[in-house]
Amino acid sequence: MDQITSLAKFRNPYGNQEIELQEIRYESGGMPMLRLRIKERGARFTIFDVDPLTTKFWAEEMLKWAQSCAIPPENSED
């Protein structure tokens, strides 16, 4: 039987989607995959199974974007 481990679960506040990251290890072997499950309103799901190399690239690109949008902290030395 495939082994599925939940890694994180959170909500997107702007669309109210429930997002879950899972690690999938297949009984048949092979590389582990990251499963991204997005539950839309109601019962609709979008599911991606992503390999480690693609996951790393995707995460780095998302982090670059998030950092470019970040608001710098205010100077607390007033």
C-alpha atoms as a PDB file:
ATOM      1  CA  MET A   1       0.000   0.000   0.000  1.00  0.00           C
ATOM      2  CA  ASP A   2       1.254   3.512  -0.825  1.00  0.00           C
ATOM      3  CA  GLN A   3       2.374   5.587   2.164  1.00  0.00           C
ATOM      4  CA  ILE A   4       0.924   9.116   2.371  1.00  0.00           C
ATOM      5  CA  THR A   5       2.221  11.542   5.013  1.00  0.00           C
ATOM      6  CA  SER A   6       0.614  14.946   5.558  1.00  0.00           C
ATOM      7  CA  LEU A   7       3.323  17.648   5.737  1.00  0.00           C
ATOM      8  CA  ALA A   8       1.269  20.846   6.004  1.00  0.00           C
ATOM      9  CA  LYS A   9      -2.321  22.004   5.710  1.00  0.00           C
ATOM     10  CA  PHE A  10      -3.460  25.620   5.438  1.00  0.00           C
ATOM     11  CA  ARG A  11      -6.064  27.910   3.889  1.00  0.00           C
ATOM     12  CA  ASN A  12      -5.590  30.496   1.191  1.00  0.00           C
ATOM     13  CA  PRO A  13      -7.405  33.504   2.697  1.00  0.00           C
ATOM     14  CA  TYR A  14      -8.163  35.081  -0.697  1.00  0.00           C
ATOM     15  CA  GLY A  15      -9.975  32.144  -2.266  1.00  0.00           C
ATOM     16  CA  ASN A  16     -10.739  30.084   0.826  1.00  0.00           C
ATOM     17  CA  GLN A  17      -9.142  27.015  -0.737  1.00  0.00           C
ATOM     18  CA  GLU A  18      -7.795  24.360   1.612  1.00  0.00           C
ATOM     19  CA  ILE A  19      -4.238  23.444   0.588  1.00  0.00           C
ATOM     20  CA  GLU A  20      -2.458  20.320   1.782  1.00  0.00           C
ATOM     21  CA  LEU A  21       1.094  19.167   1.072  1.00  0.00           C
ATOM     22  CA  GLN A  22       1.678  15.421   1.312  1.00  0.00           C
ATOM     23  CA  GLU A  23       4.649  13.139   0.780  1.00  0.00           C
ATOM     24  CA  ILE A  24       3.803  10.074  -1.317  1.00  0.00           C
ATOM     25  CA  ARG A  25       5.947   6.945  -1.172  1.00  0.00           C
ATOM     26  CA  TYR A  26       4.691   4.334  -3.598  1.00  0.00           C
ATOM     27  CA  GLU A  27       4.608   0.672  -2.620  1.00  0.00           C
ATOM     28  CA  SER A  28       6.089  -0.172  -6.022  1.00  0.00           C
ATOM     29  CA  GLY A  29       9.164   1.954  -5.241  1.00  0.00           C
ATOM     30  CA  GLY A  30      10.635   4.849  -7.149  1.00  0.00           C
ATOM     31  CA  MET A  31      11.255   8.365  -5.946  1.00  0.00           C
ATOM     32  CA  PRO A  32       9.002   9.976  -3.353  1.00  0.00           C
ATOM     33  CA  MET A  33       6.703  12.674  -4.702  1.00  0.00           C
ATOM     34  CA  LEU A  34       5.192  15.801  -3.201  1.00  0.00           C
ATOM     35  CA  ARG A  35       1.427  15.836  -3.587  1.00  0.00           C
ATOM     36  CA  LEU A  36      -0.238  19.233  -3.629  1.00  0.00           C
ATOM     37  CA  ARG A  37      -3.989  18.961  -2.926  1.00  0.00           C
ATOM     38  CA  ILE A  38      -6.142  22.032  -3.369  1.00  0.00           C
ATOM     39  CA  LYS A  39      -9.749  21.711  -2.240  1.00  0.00           C
ATOM     40  CA  GLU A  40     -12.006  24.278  -3.836  1.00  0.00           C
ATOM     41  CA  ARG A  41     -15.364  25.276  -2.422  1.00  0.00           C
ATOM     42  CA  GLY A  42     -17.556  22.228  -2.230  1.00  0.00           C
ATOM     43  CA  ALA A  43     -15.931  18.963  -3.237  1.00  0.00           C
ATOM     44  CA  ARG A  44     -13.724  19.868  -6.206  1.00  0.00           C
ATOM     45  CA  PHE A  45     -10.028  18.955  -5.877  1.00  0.00           C
ATOM     46  CA  THR A  46      -6.952  19.869  -7.908  1.00  0.00           C
ATOM     47  CA  ILE A  47      -4.099  17.433  -7.287  1.00  0.00           C
ATOM     48  CA  PHE A  48      -0.480  17.624  -8.490  1.00  0.00           C
ATOM     49  CA  ASP A  49       2.159  14.956  -7.843  1.00  0.00           C
ATOM     50  CA  VAL A  50       5.521  16.697  -8.227  1.00  0.00           C
ATOM     51  CA  ASP A  51       9.042  15.214  -8.302  1.00  0.00           C
ATOM     52  CA  PRO A  52      11.774  16.555  -5.958  1.00  0.00           C
ATOM     53  CA  LEU A  53      13.657  18.527  -8.650  1.00  0.00           C
ATOM     54  CA  THR A  54      10.525  20.305  -9.890  1.00  0.00           C
ATOM     55  CA  THR A  55       9.425  20.927  -6.291  1.00  0.00           C
ATOM     56  CA  LYS A  56      12.767  22.599  -5.498  1.00  0.00           C
ATOM     57  CA  PHE A  57      12.576  24.845  -8.573  1.00  0.00           C
ATOM     58  CA  TRP A  58       8.934  25.752  -7.868  1.00  0.00           C
ATOM     59  CA  ALA A  59       9.686  26.559  -4.205  1.00  0.00           C
ATOM     60  CA  GLU A  60      12.669  28.752  -5.113  1.00  0.00           C
ATOM     61  CA  GLU A  61      10.643  30.708  -7.678  1.00  0.00           C
ATOM     62  CA  MET A  62       7.768  31.196  -5.223  1.00  0.00           C
ATOM     63  CA  LEU A  63      10.191  32.371  -2.531  1.00  0.00           C
ATOM     64  CA  LYS A  64      11.829  34.876  -4.906  1.00  0.00           C
ATOM     65  CA  TRP A  65       8.432  36.295  -5.777  1.00  0.00           C
ATOM     66  CA  ALA A  66       7.287  36.464  -2.128  1.00  0.00           C
ATOM     67  CA  GLN A  67      10.513  38.200  -1.085  1.00  0.00           C
ATOM     68  CA  SER A  68      10.139  40.775  -3.865  1.00  0.00           C
ATOM     69  CA  CYS A  69       6.652  41.614  -2.544  1.00  0.00           C
ATOM     70  CA  ALA A  70       7.560  41.669   1.142  1.00  0.00           C
ATOM     71  CA  ILE A  71       7.137  44.873   3.084  1.00  0.00           C
ATOM     72  CA  PRO A  72      10.368  45.706   4.918  1.00  0.00           C
ATOM     73  CA  PRO A  73      10.085  45.727   8.723  1.00  0.00           C
ATOM     74  CA  GLU A  74       9.791  49.127  10.353  1.00  0.00           C
ATOM     75  CA  ASN A  75      12.809  50.443  12.210  1.00  0.00           C
ATOM     76  CA  SER A  76      12.112  49.772  15.900  1.00  0.00           C
ATOM     77  CA  GLU A  77      14.975  51.980  17.167  1.00  0.00           C
ATOM     78  CA  ASP A  78      12.804  55.090  17.681  1.00  0.00           C
END
